Amino acid sequence: MSTAATSATRLLFEEACRYIPGGTSRVHYFHEPYPIYARSAAGCRVTDVDGVERLDFVNNMTSLIHGHAHPAIVAAIVRQAQRGTAWSEPGEEEVHLARHLVERVPSIEQVRFGNSGTENVMLAVKLAREFTGRHRIAKFEGFYHGYYDYVQVSVKSAPTAWGPETAPVSTPNSGGLSPEVLGEVLTVPFNNLDVVERLLDQHGHEIACFLVDPLASQAGSPIPDPGFLDRLTALTRHHGIVLVYDEIVSFRLGYAGGQERYGGTPDLTTLGKIMGGGLPVGAVGGRAEIMQLLDPRGGGPRVLSGGTFSANPLTMVAGLVAMEHYTRAEVDRLNTLGARVRAGMDDVFRRHGEALCAGGDGSFARILGGDRPPRTYREFAASSAVASRRIAGLHAALLDEGVIITRAGTACLSTPMGDAEVEAFLAALDRAVVRTRT
């Protein structure tokens, strides 16, 4: 990436900082010396304001399962825009996408649409609280569930704040949280059934919902142990806790999401990202008896939700096309390519003697410190403390090699990609490793 004083990227960044804190409204995209500013994109490639084209392995933070400007999605959006971009009344487009999701995911009997993942995690928590009559939340240590106060807890906590592994301390992930929030959240270690069971025996009667991301990126993408989520389902049922799968990111892992790949049966599922066809979207769906709390018939809903642009027809038509094109065959193809990417990354790291490994699953891949992927957030935090600077260096070098991943080392595939893009990524990674050796 050009750091020349005359580059269009640098000049735009300097102007942006006059109007926007840090020059961008999206903190996840910021990196030193400044982020890429995109001008156009098509398929699996993005062109920046300096005219540099790169392979995009970020895909708008994993949301573009079909890459950029997929012809069928664009055509659906254009057709709908000519009929209207938004209206106060419900439309048939909302019904069509809702039916598709209910037919696609066995655990979803009804669904309600919103505009973001964070918004719909918030709604899932409110539904669980009203359904159970309880107020506390349980979540796994290091797992991210958006910017809602009650879930912005114990996401990137430092070792000095962890507390014992058998009883992790709930810590704030951001300024601006009320101190009372921390007491509302029970933090639990991932992939440790004995501790989960003990903590639920102690606190289960207070817990309204248990949030779980089947593949939590910000915790290092630890894969659930075999049977872990099935046992969690049984434990939450025993204690009368609403089990919520946050599938905003993990939904791409299987035709019916991460729950199909890893097991367990959630009471509620939150969705977003790939479900919107590249437009803002969120949803919560699940058991009808819980979703009925939103029903305005018969005296009004017990849980209020709404949004000016919720279920807007542009998103609904784009989302339906995206979902219809993400067939079982395409899920399997992308997951196979993802396995090839991870194996190739490990081969690059071994050949060059790097203290790094490939993590992730399905169509996700990421660079991790150590010789094996972590099982828990604490394992990830320990390895990333050593490897984070090395990974950031590889991110910068890959930008120069024409490949976009995140600064944290995460990458994802999209359906326009095939063998050629995988080989190009691995060749670029090999060059980046060599170039940045110290």
Protein backbone atom coordinates (compact mmCIF):
# COMPACT_ATOMS: atom_id res chain seq x y z
CA MET A 1 0.00 0.00 0.00
CA SER A 2 1.41 3.36 -0.99
CA THR A 3 2.43 5.66 1.85
CA ALA A 4 3.57 8.42 -0.49
CA ALA A 5 2.44 11.89 0.54
CA THR A 6 0.70 12.31 -2.81
CA SER A 7 -1.24 9.03 -2.83
CA ALA A 8 -5.01 9.34 -3.16
CA THR A 9 -5.46 7.00 -0.20
CA ARG A 10 -3.33 9.13 2.11
CA LEU A 11 -4.94 12.38 0.99
CA LEU A 12 -8.43 10.95 1.48
CA PHE A 13 -7.49 9.66 4.93
CA GLU A 14 -6.20 13.09 5.97
CA GLU A 15 -9.41 14.70 4.77
CA ALA A 16 -11.55 12.02 6.43
CA CYS A 17 -9.89 12.64 9.80
CA ARG A 18 -11.18 16.21 9.70
CA TYR A 19 -14.77 14.95 9.76
CA ILE A 20 -14.71 11.39 11.16
CA PRO A 21 -12.83 10.22 14.28
CA GLY A 22 -9.91 8.16 13.00
CA GLY A 23 -10.99 8.67 9.40
CA THR A 24 -13.50 5.80 9.34
CA SER A 25 -16.79 4.83 10.98
CA ARG A 26 -15.71 1.18 11.08
CA VAL A 27 -13.10 0.51 13.75
CA HIS A 28 -12.46 -3.06 12.56
CA TYR A 29 -11.07 -1.74 9.29
CA PHE A 30 -8.61 0.71 10.79
CA HIS A 31 -4.92 -0.11 10.62
CA GLU A 32 -1.69 1.87 10.52
CA PRO A 33 -0.74 4.03 8.75
CA TYR A 34 -4.29 4.27 7.36
CA PRO A 35 -6.94 1.97 5.90
CA ILE A 36 -7.62 1.24 2.25
CA TYR A 37 -10.37 3.41 0.77
CA ALA A 38 -12.31 1.41 -1.81
CA ARG A 39 -13.52 2.88 -5.07
CA SER A 40 -15.14 -0.16 -6.72
CA ALA A 41 -15.41 -3.91 -6.43
CA ALA A 42 -16.56 -6.88 -8.50
CA GLY A 43 -16.50 -10.58 -7.79
CA CYS A 44 -13.67 -11.29 -5.38
CA ARG A 45 -11.63 -8.18 -6.15
CA VAL A 46 -11.60 -4.64 -4.75
CA THR A 47 -10.02 -1.60 -6.39
CA ASP A 48 -8.90 1.25 -4.12
CA VAL A 49 -8.83 4.99 -4.78
CA ASP A 50 -5.25 4.68 -6.05
CA GLY A 51 -6.43 2.20 -8.69
CA VAL A 52 -4.81 -0.82 -7.02
CA GLU A 53 -6.78 -4.06 -7.40
CA ARG A 54 -6.58 -6.74 -4.71
CA LEU A 55 -8.07 -10.15 -3.97
CA ASP A 56 -10.62 -9.62 -1.21
CA PHE A 57 -10.51 -12.25 1.53
CA VAL A 58 -12.45 -10.05 3.97
CA ASN A 59 -15.68 -9.58 1.97
CA ASN A 60 -17.11 -6.79 4.11
CA MET A 61 -16.29 -8.59 7.34
CA THR A 62 -17.51 -11.98 5.97
CA SER A 63 -20.94 -10.67 4.87
CA LEU A 64 -20.50 -10.97 1.08
CA ILE A 65 -20.79 -14.72 0.59
CA HIS A 66 -21.13 -14.14 -3.18
CA GLY A 67 -18.49 -11.44 -3.35
CA HIS A 68 -19.09 -7.99 -4.79
CA ALA A 69 -21.80 -6.98 -7.24
CA HIS A 70 -23.12 -10.49 -7.90
CA PRO A 71 -25.18 -10.06 -11.11
CA ALA A 72 -28.33 -11.79 -9.82
CA ILE A 73 -28.30 -9.82 -6.57
CA VAL A 74 -27.68 -6.52 -8.35
CA ALA A 75 -30.52 -7.24 -10.77
CA ALA A 76 -32.91 -8.00 -7.91
CA ILE A 77 -31.96 -4.77 -6.14
CA VAL A 78 -32.41 -2.70 -9.31
CA ARG A 79 -35.81 -4.22 -10.03
CA GLN A 80 -36.94 -3.56 -6.48
CA ALA A 81 -35.54 -0.01 -6.43
CA GLN A 82 -37.71 0.78 -9.42
CA ARG A 83 -40.75 -0.36 -7.42
CA GLY A 84 -39.67 1.38 -4.21
CA THR A 85 -36.75 1.30 -1.78
CA ALA A 86 -38.74 1.35 1.45
CA TRP A 87 -42.27 1.72 2.69
CA SER A 88 -44.04 1.67 6.04
CA GLU A 89 -46.24 -1.26 5.11
CA PRO A 90 -45.02 -4.87 5.12
CA GLY A 91 -44.39 -6.40 1.72
CA GLU A 92 -44.34 -9.84 0.16
CA GLU A 93 -40.52 -9.72 -0.06
CA GLU A 94 -40.32 -10.06 3.72
CA VAL A 95 -42.60 -13.10 3.64
CA HIS A 96 -40.52 -14.82 0.95
CA LEU A 97 -37.23 -14.49 2.86
CA ALA A 98 -38.88 -15.49 6.14
CA ARG A 99 -40.30 -18.64 4.53
CA HIS A 100 -36.89 -19.52 3.08
CA LEU A 101 -35.18 -19.25 6.48
CA VAL A 102 -37.87 -21.26 8.28
CA GLU A 103 -37.61 -24.00 5.65
CA ARG A 104 -33.79 -23.87 5.70
CA VAL A 105 -33.08 -23.99 9.45
CA PRO A 106 -34.92 -26.68 11.47
CA SER A 107 -34.68 -24.79 14.78
CA ILE A 108 -36.35 -21.66 13.35
CA GLU A 109 -40.15 -21.74 13.39
CA GLN A 110 -40.70 -17.98 13.06
CA VAL A 111 -38.41 -15.03 12.36
CA ARG A 112 -38.35 -11.24 12.87
CA PHE A 113 -36.11 -8.99 10.77
CA GLY A 114 -34.03 -6.00 11.85
CA ASN A 115 -31.09 -4.01 10.54
CA SER A 116 -27.97 -5.33 12.28
CA GLY A 117 -26.55 -8.22 14.21
CA THR A 118 -26.14 -6.18 17.38
CA GLU A 119 -29.78 -5.08 17.26
CA ASN A 120 -31.02 -8.63 16.99
CA VAL A 121 -28.79 -10.01 19.73
CA MET A 122 -30.33 -7.29 21.90
CA LEU A 123 -33.80 -8.44 20.85
CA ALA A 124 -32.97 -12.09 21.57
CA VAL A 125 -31.86 -11.15 25.09
CA LYS A 126 -35.09 -9.21 25.69
CA LEU A 127 -37.18 -12.11 24.42
CA ALA A 128 -35.37 -14.52 26.71
CA ARG A 129 -35.82 -12.27 29.72
CA GLU A 130 -39.53 -11.88 29.13
CA PHE A 131 -39.99 -15.58 28.37
CA THR A 132 -38.18 -16.78 31.50
CA GLY A 133 -38.93 -13.98 33.93
CA ARG A 134 -35.19 -13.86 34.71
CA HIS A 135 -32.64 -11.15 33.98
CA ARG A 136 -29.05 -12.45 33.94
CA ILE A 137 -27.12 -13.52 30.83
CA ALA A 138 -24.46 -16.21 30.41
CA LYS A 139 -21.77 -16.00 27.73
CA PHE A 140 -18.41 -17.56 26.98
CA GLU A 141 -15.19 -15.80 27.86
CA GLY A 142 -13.71 -13.92 24.91
CA PHE A 143 -16.80 -14.27 22.69
CA TYR A 144 -18.07 -11.20 20.85
CA HIS A 145 -21.78 -10.56 20.32
CA GLY A 146 -21.93 -6.95 19.13
CA TYR A 147 -22.15 -3.53 20.80
CA TYR A 148 -25.12 -4.04 23.13
CA ASP A 149 -24.12 -3.10 26.70
CA TYR A 150 -25.02 -6.45 28.21
CA VAL A 151 -22.91 -8.45 25.79
CA GLN A 152 -19.94 -6.07 25.53
CA VAL A 153 -18.43 -7.95 28.45
CA SER A 154 -15.33 -10.18 28.70
CA VAL A 155 -14.44 -9.98 25.02
CA LYS A 156 -10.80 -8.84 24.96
CA SER A 157 -10.04 -8.90 28.65
CA ALA A 158 -6.41 -8.84 29.79
CA PRO A 159 -4.91 -11.74 31.77
CA THR A 160 -4.69 -9.55 34.87
CA ALA A 161 -8.50 -9.27 34.86
CA TRP A 162 -9.38 -12.87 34.03
CA GLY A 163 -9.79 -14.37 37.45
CA PRO A 164 -9.66 -18.17 37.87
CA GLU A 165 -10.54 -20.34 34.87
CA THR A 166 -13.16 -22.08 37.00
CA ALA A 167 -14.94 -18.75 37.62
CA PRO A 168 -13.97 -16.11 35.03
CA VAL A 169 -14.48 -12.48 36.01
CA SER A 170 -16.88 -10.38 33.93
CA THR A 171 -14.98 -7.33 32.65
CA PRO A 172 -16.07 -4.39 30.45
CA ASN A 173 -15.05 -4.39 26.79
CA SER A 174 -15.69 -0.69 26.28
CA GLY A 175 -15.93 2.60 28.06
CA GLY A 176 -19.41 3.93 28.70
CA LEU A 177 -20.88 0.78 30.27
CA SER A 178 -22.84 1.09 33.49
CA PRO A 179 -21.15 -0.74 36.41
CA GLU A 180 -24.41 -2.62 36.97
CA VAL A 181 -23.98 -4.38 33.62
CA LEU A 182 -21.15 -6.60 34.85
CA GLY A 183 -23.25 -8.12 37.60
CA GLU A 184 -25.86 -9.13 35.03
CA VAL A 185 -23.42 -11.29 33.02
CA LEU A 186 -22.09 -14.69 34.01
CA THR A 187 -18.87 -15.41 32.11
CA VAL A 188 -18.10 -19.08 31.46
CA PRO A 189 -15.03 -20.84 29.93
CA PHE A 190 -15.50 -22.45 26.52
CA ASN A 191 -14.95 -26.18 25.89
CA ASN A 192 -14.97 -26.98 29.62
CA LEU A 193 -18.16 -28.89 30.34
CA ASP A 194 -17.35 -29.61 33.98
CA VAL A 195 -17.05 -25.91 34.81
CA VAL A 196 -20.05 -24.95 32.67
CA GLU A 197 -22.18 -27.54 34.46
CA ARG A 198 -21.00 -26.42 37.90
CA LEU A 199 -21.59 -22.73 37.20
CA LEU A 200 -25.06 -23.41 35.83
CA ASP A 201 -25.87 -25.53 38.89
CA GLN A 202 -24.99 -22.48 40.99
CA HIS A 203 -26.55 -19.73 38.89
CA GLY A 204 -28.92 -21.39 36.43
CA HIS A 205 -32.05 -20.23 38.27
CA GLU A 206 -31.02 -16.60 37.57
CA ILE A 207 -30.06 -17.00 33.90
CA ALA A 208 -32.47 -15.92 31.16
CA CYS A 209 -30.31 -16.84 28.19
CA PHE A 210 -26.97 -18.39 27.28
CA LEU A 211 -25.29 -16.84 24.24
CA VAL A 212 -22.93 -18.89 22.10
CA ASP A 213 -21.19 -18.23 18.81
CA PRO A 214 -20.44 -21.60 17.18
CA LEU A 215 -17.14 -20.23 15.78
CA ALA A 216 -16.11 -17.13 17.72
CA SER A 217 -13.56 -15.20 15.66
CA GLN A 218 -12.52 -12.72 18.33
CA ALA A 219 -11.80 -15.59 20.71
CA GLY A 220 -9.45 -17.21 18.18
CA SER A 221 -12.10 -19.29 16.36
CA PRO A 222 -11.99 -22.26 18.77
CA ILE A 223 -13.93 -25.20 17.37
CA PRO A 224 -16.43 -26.76 19.80
CA ASP A 225 -15.31 -30.13 21.15
CA PRO A 226 -17.40 -33.02 19.80
CA GLY A 227 -20.66 -33.14 21.71
CA PHE A 228 -20.00 -29.87 23.57
CA LEU A 229 -22.95 -27.98 22.11
CA ASP A 230 -25.25 -30.99 22.43
CA ARG A 231 -24.45 -31.13 26.15
CA LEU A 232 -24.90 -27.37 26.45
CA THR A 233 -28.35 -27.78 24.91
CA ALA A 234 -29.24 -30.39 27.51
CA LEU A 235 -27.93 -28.26 30.39
CA THR A 236 -29.83 -25.15 29.33
CA ARG A 237 -33.02 -27.18 28.89
CA HIS A 238 -32.55 -28.62 32.39
CA HIS A 239 -32.23 -25.14 33.92
CA GLY A 240 -34.96 -23.52 31.82
CA ILE A 241 -32.47 -21.21 30.08
CA VAL A 242 -33.07 -19.91 26.55
CA LEU A 243 -30.13 -21.05 24.41
CA VAL A 244 -29.23 -18.43 21.80
CA TYR A 245 -26.91 -19.21 18.91
CA ASP A 246 -25.28 -16.08 17.54
CA GLU A 247 -24.94 -17.20 13.92
CA ILE A 248 -24.34 -13.75 12.48
CA VAL A 249 -20.89 -14.88 11.31
CA SER A 250 -21.07 -18.68 11.54
CA PHE A 251 -24.19 -19.16 9.41
CA ARG A 252 -22.06 -19.70 6.31
CA LEU A 253 -20.50 -22.85 7.86
CA GLY A 254 -23.39 -25.10 6.86
CA TYR A 255 -26.55 -24.95 4.80
CA ALA A 256 -28.40 -24.48 8.10
CA GLY A 257 -25.48 -22.75 9.79
CA GLY A 258 -23.01 -23.64 12.50
CA GLN A 259 -25.72 -25.51 14.39
CA GLU A 260 -25.86 -27.99 11.54
CA ARG A 261 -22.06 -28.37 11.50
CA TYR A 262 -21.41 -28.62 15.25
CA GLY A 263 -24.68 -29.80 16.76
CA GLY A 264 -26.89 -28.57 19.55
CA THR A 265 -30.35 -27.09 19.16
CA PRO A 266 -30.84 -23.42 19.98
CA ASP A 267 -34.11 -21.93 21.14
CA LEU A 268 -33.29 -18.71 19.30
CA THR A 269 -30.83 -17.92 16.50
CA THR A 270 -29.57 -14.48 15.52
CA LEU A 271 -28.60 -13.92 11.90
CA GLY A 272 -27.02 -11.19 9.79
CA LYS A 273 -24.17 -10.66 7.33
CA ILE A 274 -24.59 -13.18 4.45
CA MET A 275 -28.37 -13.22 4.94
CA GLY A 276 -28.69 -9.66 3.59
CA GLY A 277 -27.10 -10.09 0.17
CA GLY A 278 -24.68 -7.25 0.89
CA LEU A 279 -27.19 -4.83 2.43
CA PRO A 280 -27.74 -4.04 6.14
CA VAL A 281 -29.66 -6.83 7.84
CA GLY A 282 -30.28 -8.72 11.03
CA ALA A 283 -32.80 -11.25 12.25
CA VAL A 284 -33.79 -13.36 15.21
CA GLY A 285 -35.71 -16.58 14.80
CA GLY A 286 -36.57 -19.66 16.78
CA ARG A 287 -39.26 -21.43 18.74
CA ALA A 288 -42.73 -20.11 17.98
CA GLU A 289 -43.71 -19.91 21.65
CA ILE A 290 -40.86 -17.46 22.27
CA MET A 291 -41.30 -15.54 19.02
CA GLN A 292 -45.00 -15.08 19.83
CA LEU A 293 -43.94 -12.52 22.43
CA LEU A 294 -43.52 -10.16 19.44
CA ASP A 295 -47.03 -10.79 18.07
CA PRO A 296 -49.13 -7.59 18.12
CA ARG A 297 -52.41 -9.48 17.87
CA GLY A 298 -54.59 -10.04 20.90
CA GLY A 299 -53.73 -6.98 22.95
CA GLY A 300 -50.29 -6.01 21.71
CA PRO A 301 -46.81 -7.55 21.87
CA ARG A 302 -45.17 -8.32 25.21
CA VAL A 303 -41.77 -7.43 23.73
CA LEU A 304 -41.55 -4.31 21.60
CA SER A 305 -39.28 -4.06 18.58
CA GLY A 306 -39.27 -2.10 15.39
CA GLY A 307 -37.15 -0.11 13.01
CA THR A 308 -37.76 2.30 10.16
CA PHE A 309 -35.77 0.13 7.77
CA SER A 310 -36.45 -3.30 9.27
CA ALA A 311 -37.38 -5.79 6.54
CA ASN A 312 -36.98 -3.10 3.88
CA PRO A 313 -37.70 -4.59 0.45
CA LEU A 314 -34.22 -3.91 -0.98
CA THR A 315 -32.58 -6.04 1.70
CA MET A 316 -35.26 -8.70 1.55
CA VAL A 317 -34.91 -9.29 -2.20
CA ALA A 318 -31.11 -9.19 -2.07
CA GLY A 319 -31.09 -11.57 0.88
CA LEU A 320 -33.42 -14.08 -0.75
CA VAL A 321 -31.30 -14.25 -3.90
CA ALA A 322 -28.13 -14.61 -1.82
CA MET A 323 -29.61 -17.45 0.21
CA GLU A 324 -31.07 -19.24 -2.82
CA HIS A 325 -27.66 -19.15 -4.51
CA TYR A 326 -25.89 -20.45 -1.39
CA THR A 327 -26.87 -24.03 -2.02
CA ARG A 328 -25.63 -27.12 -0.21
CA ALA A 329 -23.28 -27.74 -3.11
CA GLU A 330 -21.81 -24.25 -2.81
CA VAL A 331 -21.47 -24.59 0.97
CA ASP A 332 -19.56 -27.84 0.49
CA ARG A 333 -17.39 -26.40 -2.28
CA LEU A 334 -16.39 -23.35 -0.24
CA ASN A 335 -15.71 -25.44 2.84
CA THR A 336 -13.46 -27.70 0.78
CA LEU A 337 -11.59 -24.68 -0.56
CA GLY A 338 -11.27 -23.39 3.00
CA ALA A 339 -9.66 -26.65 4.10
CA ARG A 340 -7.18 -26.30 1.20
CA VAL A 341 -6.36 -22.74 2.26
CA ARG A 342 -5.69 -23.77 5.86
CA ALA A 343 -3.55 -26.75 4.82
CA GLY A 344 -1.59 -24.53 2.44
CA MET A 345 -1.04 -21.90 5.11
CA ASP A 346 0.31 -24.51 7.50
CA ASP A 347 2.65 -25.74 4.77
CA VAL A 348 3.98 -22.19 4.24
CA PHE A 349 4.55 -21.68 7.95
CA ARG A 350 6.31 -25.06 8.37
CA ARG A 351 8.62 -24.55 5.39
CA HIS A 352 9.74 -21.18 6.71
CA GLY A 353 10.02 -22.19 10.35
CA GLU A 354 7.34 -19.76 11.49
CA ALA A 355 5.83 -20.08 14.97
CA LEU A 356 2.40 -19.72 13.39
CA CYS A 357 -0.46 -22.00 12.34
CA ALA A 358 -3.73 -21.84 10.44
CA GLY A 359 -7.03 -21.81 12.29
CA GLY A 360 -10.69 -21.47 11.44
CA ASP A 361 -13.14 -23.88 9.86
CA GLY A 362 -15.39 -24.16 6.83
CA SER A 363 -14.82 -21.21 4.52
CA PHE A 364 -12.90 -19.31 7.22
CA ALA A 365 -9.14 -19.22 7.73
CA ARG A 366 -6.90 -17.23 10.01
CA ILE A 367 -3.28 -16.83 11.04
CA LEU A 368 -2.68 -17.82 14.67
CA GLY A 369 0.31 -17.97 16.94
CA GLY A 370 1.61 -21.31 18.18
CA ASP A 371 1.68 -24.77 16.66
CA ARG A 372 -2.04 -25.58 16.93
CA PRO A 373 -5.35 -23.69 17.02
CA PRO A 374 -6.67 -22.77 20.48
CA ARG A 375 -9.52 -24.54 22.27
CA THR A 376 -10.31 -21.57 24.51
CA TYR A 377 -10.01 -17.79 24.60
CA ARG A 378 -7.21 -17.96 27.16
CA GLU A 379 -5.11 -20.18 24.92
CA PHE A 380 -5.72 -17.75 22.05
CA ALA A 381 -4.85 -14.69 24.13
CA ALA A 382 -1.60 -16.29 25.33
CA SER A 383 -0.45 -17.15 21.81
CA SER A 384 -1.61 -13.90 20.19
CA ALA A 385 0.27 -11.81 22.75
CA VAL A 386 3.46 -13.13 21.17
CA ALA A 387 2.28 -13.37 17.54
CA SER A 388 0.09 -10.28 17.08
CA ARG A 389 2.89 -8.04 15.79
CA ARG A 390 4.05 -10.74 13.37
CA ILE A 391 0.50 -11.22 12.09
CA ALA A 392 0.02 -7.46 11.65
CA GLY A 393 3.24 -7.40 9.61
CA LEU A 394 1.96 -10.17 7.36
CA HIS A 395 -1.31 -8.29 6.91
CA ALA A 396 0.59 -5.24 5.67
CA ALA A 397 2.83 -7.32 3.42
CA LEU A 398 -0.18 -9.12 1.91
CA LEU A 399 -1.72 -5.76 1.01
CA ASP A 400 1.42 -5.04 -0.98
CA GLU A 401 1.12 -8.50 -2.54
CA GLY A 402 -2.43 -7.77 -3.68
CA VAL A 403 -4.40 -9.68 -1.03
CA ILE A 404 -6.73 -8.31 1.65
CA ILE A 405 -7.11 -10.03 5.01
CA THR A 406 -7.87 -8.38 8.35
CA ARG A 407 -5.16 -6.96 10.58
CA ALA A 408 -5.96 -9.75 13.04
CA GLY A 409 -5.14 -12.31 10.34
CA THR A 410 -8.64 -13.51 9.48
CA ALA A 411 -9.82 -14.39 5.98
CA CYS A 412 -12.90 -15.84 4.33
CA LEU A 413 -13.83 -17.20 0.94
CA SER A 414 -16.65 -16.14 -1.38
CA THR A 415 -18.37 -18.07 -4.14
CA PRO A 416 -16.55 -16.24 -7.02
CA MET A 417 -13.35 -17.85 -5.73
CA GLY A 418 -11.89 -21.12 -6.94
CA ASP A 419 -8.59 -22.95 -7.22
CA ALA A 420 -6.83 -20.02 -8.91
CA GLU A 421 -7.67 -17.62 -6.08
CA VAL A 422 -6.58 -20.13 -3.44
CA GLU A 423 -3.24 -20.62 -5.18
CA ALA A 424 -2.81 -16.86 -5.58
CA PHE A 425 -3.45 -16.35 -1.87
CA LEU A 426 -0.97 -19.03 -0.81
CA ALA A 427 1.71 -17.73 -3.20
CA ALA A 428 1.21 -14.21 -1.84
CA LEU A 429 1.45 -15.49 1.73
CA ASP A 430 4.69 -17.30 0.92
CA ARG A 431 6.18 -14.10 -0.49
CA ALA A 432 4.91 -12.05 2.43
CA VAL A 433 6.53 -14.41 4.93
CA VAL A 434 9.87 -14.20 3.12
CA ARG A 435 9.73 -10.42 2.74
CA THR A 436 9.02 -9.80 6.42
CA ARG A 437 11.51 -12.21 7.97
CA THR A 438 13.70 -10.49 10.56
